[in-house]
Amino acid sequence: MRIERATTVPQLLAAADLFDSPPRSEWAADFLATSGHHLYLAYAQSEPVGFISGVETVHPDKGREMFLYELSVAAPHRRRGIGRALIRTLADLAAELGCYDMWVGVDTDNDAALATYRSAGGAGEGPCEVITWDFT
């Protein structure tokens, strides 16, 4: 398994099965061109089998932190350390960029995700509620 930073739209389109919905070329290009957006792909041989995306945020009273936006590993490749390796890759980048922490929102009943995040060194801070605004 190897992990590399995604830098081209074709890389993201080739990993379409890993995303919730197939990536759109214009959105993929916008993501890659936006400062502070990061996406790494994990490969088994030449096949994309996982990805992690993160977004840097900066706040006047907190400084810089990394939001772990999404993690995905193809079902046949789960429980092999790929998710943990992707998390460590993003965490290492966050530290290199001077982020004071990295965080992720996860459903409290998503046992697989919770186990993956904890195995990569993450710690829970207690339950939280996610509130959304739908603009579609």
N, C-alpha and C. Protein backbone atom coordinates (compact mmCIF):
# COMPACT_ATOMS: atom_id res chain seq x y z
N MET A 1 0.84 -1.17 0.00
CA MET A 1 0.00 0.00 0.00
C MET A 1 0.89 1.24 0.00
N ARG A 2 0.48 2.22 -0.81
CA ARG A 2 1.18 3.50 -0.80
C ARG A 2 0.14 4.61 -0.68
N ILE A 3 0.56 5.72 -0.11
CA ILE A 3 -0.31 6.88 0.06
C ILE A 3 0.34 8.04 -0.66
N GLU A 4 -0.47 8.74 -1.45
CA GLU A 4 0.05 9.93 -2.12
C GLU A 4 -1.00 11.02 -2.14
N ARG A 5 -0.53 12.24 -2.15
CA ARG A 5 -1.42 13.40 -2.19
C ARG A 5 -2.06 13.48 -3.57
N ALA A 6 -3.36 13.72 -3.61
CA ALA A 6 -4.07 13.92 -4.88
C ALA A 6 -3.77 15.32 -5.38
N THR A 7 -3.36 15.43 -6.64
CA THR A 7 -3.02 16.72 -7.22
C THR A 7 -3.74 16.97 -8.53
N THR A 8 -4.44 15.95 -9.06
CA THR A 8 -5.11 16.11 -10.36
C THR A 8 -6.55 15.64 -10.28
N VAL A 9 -7.36 16.21 -11.13
CA VAL A 9 -8.77 15.80 -11.24
C VAL A 9 -8.87 14.34 -11.66
N PRO A 10 -8.10 13.86 -12.64
CA PRO A 10 -8.20 12.45 -13.01
C PRO A 10 -7.95 11.49 -11.85
N GLN A 11 -7.05 11.84 -10.93
CA GLN A 11 -6.84 10.99 -9.75
C GLN A 11 -8.13 10.85 -8.95
N LEU A 12 -8.82 11.96 -8.75
CA LEU A 12 -10.07 11.93 -7.97
C LEU A 12 -11.17 11.19 -8.71
N LEU A 13 -11.25 11.40 -10.01
CA LEU A 13 -12.28 10.71 -10.79
C LEU A 13 -12.03 9.21 -10.81
N ALA A 14 -10.78 8.80 -10.81
CA ALA A 14 -10.44 7.37 -10.81
C ALA A 14 -10.81 6.70 -9.48
N ALA A 15 -10.97 7.50 -8.43
CA ALA A 15 -11.33 6.98 -7.11
C ALA A 15 -12.82 7.14 -6.83
N ALA A 16 -13.62 7.31 -7.85
CA ALA A 16 -15.05 7.63 -7.71
C ALA A 16 -15.79 6.68 -6.77
N ASP A 17 -15.45 5.40 -6.80
CA ASP A 17 -16.16 4.42 -5.96
C ASP A 17 -15.96 4.65 -4.47
N LEU A 18 -14.95 5.41 -4.10
CA LEU A 18 -14.67 5.65 -2.68
C LEU A 18 -15.50 6.79 -2.10
N PHE A 19 -16.03 7.63 -2.96
CA PHE A 19 -16.79 8.80 -2.51
C PHE A 19 -18.26 8.46 -2.31
N ASP A 20 -18.97 9.28 -1.56
CA ASP A 20 -20.41 9.08 -1.36
C ASP A 20 -21.15 9.15 -2.68
N SER A 21 -20.75 10.07 -3.53
CA SER A 21 -21.29 10.24 -4.89
C SER A 21 -20.10 10.45 -5.80
N PRO A 22 -20.24 10.14 -7.08
CA PRO A 22 -19.10 10.35 -7.98
C PRO A 22 -18.67 11.81 -7.98
N PRO A 23 -17.36 12.06 -7.90
CA PRO A 23 -16.89 13.44 -7.93
C PRO A 23 -17.20 14.09 -9.28
N ARG A 24 -17.49 15.38 -9.24
CA ARG A 24 -17.70 16.15 -10.46
C ARG A 24 -16.41 16.88 -10.79
N SER A 25 -16.05 16.90 -12.03
CA SER A 25 -14.77 17.48 -12.46
C SER A 25 -14.58 18.90 -11.97
N GLU A 26 -15.61 19.74 -12.10
CA GLU A 26 -15.46 21.15 -11.71
C GLU A 26 -15.29 21.29 -10.21
N TRP A 27 -15.97 20.46 -9.43
CA TRP A 27 -15.82 20.53 -7.97
C TRP A 27 -14.47 19.98 -7.54
N ALA A 28 -14.03 18.92 -8.20
CA ALA A 28 -12.72 18.35 -7.90
C ALA A 28 -11.62 19.38 -8.19
N ALA A 29 -11.73 20.07 -9.33
CA ALA A 29 -10.74 21.10 -9.68
C ALA A 29 -10.75 22.22 -8.65
N ASP A 30 -11.94 22.63 -8.24
CA ASP A 30 -12.05 23.71 -7.25
C ASP A 30 -11.43 23.28 -5.92
N PHE A 31 -11.70 22.04 -5.48
CA PHE A 31 -11.13 21.52 -4.24
C PHE A 31 -9.61 21.57 -4.31
N LEU A 32 -9.05 21.02 -5.39
CA LEU A 32 -7.60 20.94 -5.52
C LEU A 32 -6.95 22.32 -5.61
N ALA A 33 -7.66 23.30 -6.15
CA ALA A 33 -7.10 24.65 -6.31
C ALA A 33 -7.25 25.52 -5.07
N THR A 34 -8.04 25.07 -4.11
CA THR A 34 -8.31 25.89 -2.93
C THR A 34 -7.24 25.68 -1.86
N SER A 35 -6.62 26.75 -1.46
CA SER A 35 -5.60 26.69 -0.41
C SER A 35 -6.20 26.11 0.87
N GLY A 36 -5.45 25.26 1.52
CA GLY A 36 -5.90 24.69 2.79
C GLY A 36 -6.73 23.44 2.65
N HIS A 37 -6.99 22.98 1.42
CA HIS A 37 -7.71 21.73 1.20
C HIS A 37 -6.70 20.65 0.85
N HIS A 38 -6.84 19.50 1.49
CA HIS A 38 -5.87 18.42 1.33
C HIS A 38 -6.61 17.10 1.13
N LEU A 39 -6.11 16.27 0.20
CA LEU A 39 -6.69 14.95 -0.02
C LEU A 39 -5.58 13.99 -0.37
N TYR A 40 -5.56 12.87 0.35
CA TYR A 40 -4.59 11.81 0.11
C TYR A 40 -5.32 10.56 -0.31
N LEU A 41 -4.73 9.83 -1.26
CA LEU A 41 -5.27 8.57 -1.74
C LEU A 41 -4.35 7.43 -1.33
N ALA A 42 -4.97 6.32 -0.91
CA ALA A 42 -4.22 5.09 -0.62
C ALA A 42 -4.42 4.15 -1.80
N TYR A 43 -3.34 3.51 -2.22
CA TYR A 43 -3.38 2.59 -3.35
C TYR A 43 -2.89 1.21 -2.94
N ALA A 44 -3.56 0.18 -3.45
CA ALA A 44 -3.07 -1.19 -3.39
C ALA A 44 -2.74 -1.52 -4.85
N GLN A 45 -1.47 -1.81 -5.13
CA GLN A 45 -0.96 -1.84 -6.50
C GLN A 45 -1.29 -0.49 -7.13
N SER A 46 -2.05 -0.45 -8.19
CA SER A 46 -2.38 0.84 -8.81
C SER A 46 -3.83 1.23 -8.59
N GLU A 47 -4.55 0.47 -7.76
CA GLU A 47 -5.98 0.72 -7.52
C GLU A 47 -6.18 1.61 -6.29
N PRO A 48 -6.97 2.71 -6.43
CA PRO A 48 -7.28 3.51 -5.25
C PRO A 48 -8.21 2.73 -4.32
N VAL A 49 -7.79 2.59 -3.05
CA VAL A 49 -8.57 1.80 -2.09
C VAL A 49 -9.01 2.61 -0.87
N GLY A 50 -8.59 3.86 -0.79
CA GLY A 50 -8.99 4.69 0.33
C GLY A 50 -8.59 6.14 0.10
N PHE A 51 -9.23 7.03 0.85
CA PHE A 51 -8.83 8.43 0.80
C PHE A 51 -9.16 9.10 2.12
N ILE A 52 -8.48 10.20 2.36
CA ILE A 52 -8.79 11.08 3.48
C ILE A 52 -8.71 12.51 2.97
N SER A 53 -9.65 13.34 3.43
CA SER A 53 -9.58 14.75 3.08
C SER A 53 -9.62 15.58 4.35
N GLY A 54 -8.93 16.69 4.29
CA GLY A 54 -8.88 17.59 5.43
C GLY A 54 -8.91 19.03 4.97
N VAL A 55 -9.41 19.89 5.82
CA VAL A 55 -9.49 21.32 5.53
C VAL A 55 -8.90 22.09 6.70
N GLU A 56 -7.94 22.94 6.40
CA GLU A 56 -7.37 23.82 7.44
C GLU A 56 -8.34 24.94 7.72
N THR A 57 -8.50 25.24 8.98
CA THR A 57 -9.28 26.41 9.38
C THR A 57 -8.43 27.26 10.30
N VAL A 58 -8.66 28.56 10.26
CA VAL A 58 -7.93 29.50 11.12
C VAL A 58 -8.97 30.39 11.79
N HIS A 59 -8.80 30.58 13.10
CA HIS A 59 -9.74 31.41 13.85
C HIS A 59 -8.94 32.39 14.71
N PRO A 60 -9.45 33.62 14.90
CA PRO A 60 -8.69 34.64 15.62
C PRO A 60 -8.28 34.25 17.04
N ASP A 61 -9.07 33.45 17.73
CA ASP A 61 -8.71 33.12 19.11
C ASP A 61 -8.25 31.68 19.29
N LYS A 62 -8.14 30.94 18.21
CA LYS A 62 -7.72 29.54 18.31
C LYS A 62 -6.50 29.22 17.48
N GLY A 63 -6.26 29.97 16.43
CA GLY A 63 -5.16 29.67 15.54
C GLY A 63 -5.60 28.68 14.47
N ARG A 64 -4.67 27.89 14.00
CA ARG A 64 -4.89 26.96 12.87
C ARG A 64 -5.18 25.56 13.39
N GLU A 65 -6.21 24.92 12.81
CA GLU A 65 -6.50 23.52 13.12
C GLU A 65 -6.89 22.81 11.84
N MET A 66 -6.86 21.48 11.89
CA MET A 66 -7.21 20.67 10.73
C MET A 66 -8.53 19.97 11.02
N PHE A 67 -9.48 20.14 10.12
CA PHE A 67 -10.75 19.43 10.17
C PHE A 67 -10.63 18.22 9.26
N LEU A 68 -10.71 17.02 9.84
CA LEU A 68 -10.70 15.79 9.06
C LEU A 68 -12.09 15.68 8.45
N TYR A 69 -12.20 16.00 7.18
CA TYR A 69 -13.50 16.12 6.52
C TYR A 69 -14.11 14.77 6.21
N GLU A 70 -13.31 13.87 5.63
CA GLU A 70 -13.87 12.56 5.27
C GLU A 70 -12.77 11.52 5.17
N LEU A 71 -13.11 10.30 5.55
CA LEU A 71 -12.23 9.15 5.45
C LEU A 71 -13.04 8.02 4.83
N SER A 72 -12.45 7.34 3.86
CA SER A 72 -13.14 6.23 3.21
C SER A 72 -12.11 5.17 2.85
N VAL A 73 -12.47 3.91 3.13
CA VAL A 73 -11.66 2.77 2.71
C VAL A 73 -12.62 1.77 2.08
N ALA A 74 -12.27 1.27 0.90
CA ALA A 74 -13.11 0.30 0.20
C ALA A 74 -13.31 -0.94 1.08
N ALA A 75 -14.52 -1.45 1.09
CA ALA A 75 -14.89 -2.57 1.98
C ALA A 75 -13.90 -3.74 1.95
N PRO A 76 -13.45 -4.21 0.79
CA PRO A 76 -12.53 -5.36 0.80
C PRO A 76 -11.17 -5.07 1.42
N HIS A 77 -10.86 -3.79 1.65
CA HIS A 77 -9.54 -3.40 2.16
C HIS A 77 -9.57 -2.89 3.60
N ARG A 78 -10.73 -3.00 4.22
CA ARG A 78 -10.85 -2.51 5.60
C ARG A 78 -10.18 -3.48 6.57
N ARG A 79 -9.87 -2.94 7.76
CA ARG A 79 -9.26 -3.70 8.86
C ARG A 79 -7.85 -4.18 8.50
N ARG A 80 -7.17 -3.36 7.70
CA ARG A 80 -5.78 -3.67 7.31
C ARG A 80 -4.84 -2.51 7.65
N GLY A 81 -5.35 -1.51 8.38
CA GLY A 81 -4.52 -0.38 8.78
C GLY A 81 -4.48 0.77 7.79
N ILE A 82 -5.25 0.68 6.71
CA ILE A 82 -5.24 1.73 5.70
C ILE A 82 -5.84 3.02 6.26
N GLY A 83 -6.98 2.92 6.93
CA GLY A 83 -7.60 4.10 7.52
C GLY A 83 -6.67 4.77 8.52
N ARG A 84 -6.06 3.96 9.38
CA ARG A 84 -5.13 4.49 10.38
C ARG A 84 -3.95 5.19 9.70
N ALA A 85 -3.42 4.59 8.64
CA ALA A 85 -2.28 5.19 7.92
C ALA A 85 -2.69 6.51 7.26
N LEU A 86 -3.90 6.56 6.71
CA LEU A 86 -4.38 7.81 6.11
C LEU A 86 -4.54 8.90 7.18
N ILE A 87 -5.08 8.53 8.33
CA ILE A 87 -5.25 9.50 9.42
C ILE A 87 -3.89 10.02 9.87
N ARG A 88 -2.92 9.12 10.03
CA ARG A 88 -1.59 9.54 10.46
C ARG A 88 -0.96 10.48 9.43
N THR A 89 -1.20 10.21 8.14
CA THR A 89 -0.67 11.07 7.08
C THR A 89 -1.23 12.48 7.21
N LEU A 90 -2.54 12.59 7.40
CA LEU A 90 -3.15 13.92 7.55
C LEU A 90 -2.72 14.58 8.85
N ALA A 91 -2.62 13.80 9.93
CA ALA A 91 -2.18 14.35 11.22
C ALA A 91 -0.74 14.87 11.12
N ASP A 92 0.12 14.13 10.43
CA ASP A 92 1.50 14.58 10.25
C ASP A 92 1.55 15.89 9.46
N LEU A 93 0.72 15.99 8.42
CA LEU A 93 0.65 17.23 7.65
C LEU A 93 0.17 18.37 8.54
N ALA A 94 -0.87 18.12 9.33
CA ALA A 94 -1.41 19.16 10.22
C ALA A 94 -0.33 19.67 11.17
N ALA A 95 0.43 18.76 11.75
CA ALA A 95 1.51 19.17 12.66
C ALA A 95 2.57 19.97 11.91
N GLU A 96 2.91 19.53 10.71
CA GLU A 96 3.90 20.22 9.90
C GLU A 96 3.45 21.65 9.55
N LEU A 97 2.13 21.81 9.36
CA LEU A 97 1.57 23.12 9.01
C LEU A 97 1.36 24.03 10.22
N GLY A 98 1.64 23.52 11.42
CA GLY A 98 1.50 24.31 12.62
C GLY A 98 0.10 24.30 13.23
N CYS A 99 -0.71 23.33 12.85
CA CYS A 99 -2.04 23.22 13.45
C CYS A 99 -1.92 22.81 14.91
N TYR A 100 -2.77 23.37 15.77
CA TYR A 100 -2.71 23.01 17.18
C TYR A 100 -3.48 21.73 17.46
N ASP A 101 -4.41 21.35 16.56
CA ASP A 101 -5.09 20.06 16.71
C ASP A 101 -5.75 19.67 15.39
N MET A 102 -6.34 18.49 15.39
CA MET A 102 -7.12 17.98 14.28
C MET A 102 -8.38 17.39 14.89
N TRP A 103 -9.52 17.57 14.21
CA TRP A 103 -10.77 17.06 14.77
C TRP A 103 -11.65 16.51 13.66
N VAL A 104 -12.58 15.66 14.07
CA VAL A 104 -13.54 15.04 13.15
C VAL A 104 -14.86 14.88 13.87
N GLY A 105 -15.95 15.04 13.16
CA GLY A 105 -17.27 14.73 13.69
C GLY A 105 -17.63 13.31 13.26
N VAL A 106 -18.16 12.52 14.17
CA VAL A 106 -18.51 11.13 13.85
C VAL A 106 -19.77 10.75 14.60
N ASP A 107 -20.64 10.01 13.96
CA ASP A 107 -21.85 9.52 14.63
C ASP A 107 -21.46 8.61 15.78
N THR A 108 -22.10 8.78 16.91
CA THR A 108 -21.73 8.01 18.11
C THR A 108 -22.03 6.52 17.97
N ASP A 109 -22.84 6.14 16.98
CA ASP A 109 -23.12 4.71 16.79
C ASP A 109 -22.28 4.10 15.66
N ASN A 110 -21.33 4.84 15.13
CA ASN A 110 -20.47 4.34 14.07
C ASN A 110 -19.24 3.71 14.71
N ASP A 111 -19.41 2.50 15.19
CA ASP A 111 -18.35 1.82 15.95
C ASP A 111 -17.07 1.63 15.14
N ALA A 112 -17.20 1.31 13.85
CA ALA A 112 -16.00 1.10 13.03
C ALA A 112 -15.19 2.39 12.91
N ALA A 113 -15.87 3.50 12.65
CA ALA A 113 -15.16 4.78 12.53
C ALA A 113 -14.52 5.17 13.86
N LEU A 114 -15.28 5.02 14.94
CA LEU A 114 -14.74 5.36 16.26
C LEU A 114 -13.49 4.54 16.57
N ALA A 115 -13.53 3.25 16.27
CA ALA A 115 -12.38 2.39 16.53
C ALA A 115 -11.18 2.81 15.68
N THR A 116 -11.43 3.16 14.43
CA THR A 116 -10.34 3.59 13.54
C THR A 116 -9.71 4.87 14.06
N TYR A 117 -10.54 5.86 14.39
CA TYR A 117 -10.00 7.13 14.87
C TYR A 117 -9.23 6.94 16.17
N ARG A 118 -9.75 6.14 17.07
CA ARG A 118 -9.06 5.90 18.34
C ARG A 118 -7.75 5.15 18.13
N SER A 119 -7.75 4.18 17.19
CA SER A 119 -6.53 3.41 16.95
C SER A 119 -5.43 4.28 16.34
N ALA A 120 -5.83 5.41 15.74
CA ALA A 120 -4.85 6.33 15.15
C ALA A 120 -4.46 7.43 16.13
N GLY A 121 -4.86 7.30 17.40
CA GLY A 121 -4.43 8.24 18.43
C GLY A 121 -5.45 9.30 18.79
N GLY A 122 -6.63 9.27 18.17
CA GLY A 122 -7.67 10.24 18.50
C GLY A 122 -8.34 9.91 19.82
N ALA A 123 -8.89 10.92 20.47
CA ALA A 123 -9.59 10.73 21.74
C ALA A 123 -10.92 11.46 21.70
N GLY A 124 -11.96 10.81 22.19
CA GLY A 124 -13.28 11.42 22.23
C GLY A 124 -13.37 12.50 23.29
N GLU A 125 -14.18 13.50 23.00
CA GLU A 125 -14.42 14.58 23.97
C GLU A 125 -15.86 14.56 24.45
N GLY A 126 -16.58 13.49 24.18
CA GLY A 126 -17.97 13.39 24.61
C GLY A 126 -18.92 13.58 23.45
N PRO A 127 -20.18 13.34 23.69
CA PRO A 127 -21.17 13.43 22.60
C PRO A 127 -21.36 14.87 22.14
N CYS A 128 -21.74 15.00 20.88
CA CYS A 128 -22.07 16.32 20.35
C CYS A 128 -23.18 16.16 19.33
N GLU A 129 -23.82 17.22 19.03
CA GLU A 129 -24.91 17.25 18.06
C GLU A 129 -24.42 17.98 16.82
N VAL A 130 -24.76 17.49 15.64
CA VAL A 130 -24.41 18.17 14.41
C VAL A 130 -25.67 18.86 13.89
N ILE A 131 -25.56 20.15 13.69
CA ILE A 131 -26.66 20.97 13.18
C ILE A 131 -26.29 21.40 11.76
N THR A 132 -27.20 21.23 10.82
CA THR A 132 -26.91 21.59 9.44
C THR A 132 -27.95 22.57 8.89
N TRP A 133 -27.53 23.29 7.88
CA TRP A 133 -28.41 24.16 7.11
C TRP A 133 -28.35 23.66 5.69
N ASP A 134 -29.50 23.34 5.08
CA ASP A 134 -29.55 22.82 3.72
C ASP A 134 -29.88 23.95 2.76
N PHE A 135 -28.98 24.24 1.83
CA PHE A 135 -29.18 25.31 0.88
C PHE A 135 -29.48 24.80 -0.53
N THR A 136 -29.83 23.51 -0.65
CA THR A 136 -30.11 22.98 -1.99
C THR A 136 -31.52 23.25 -2.41
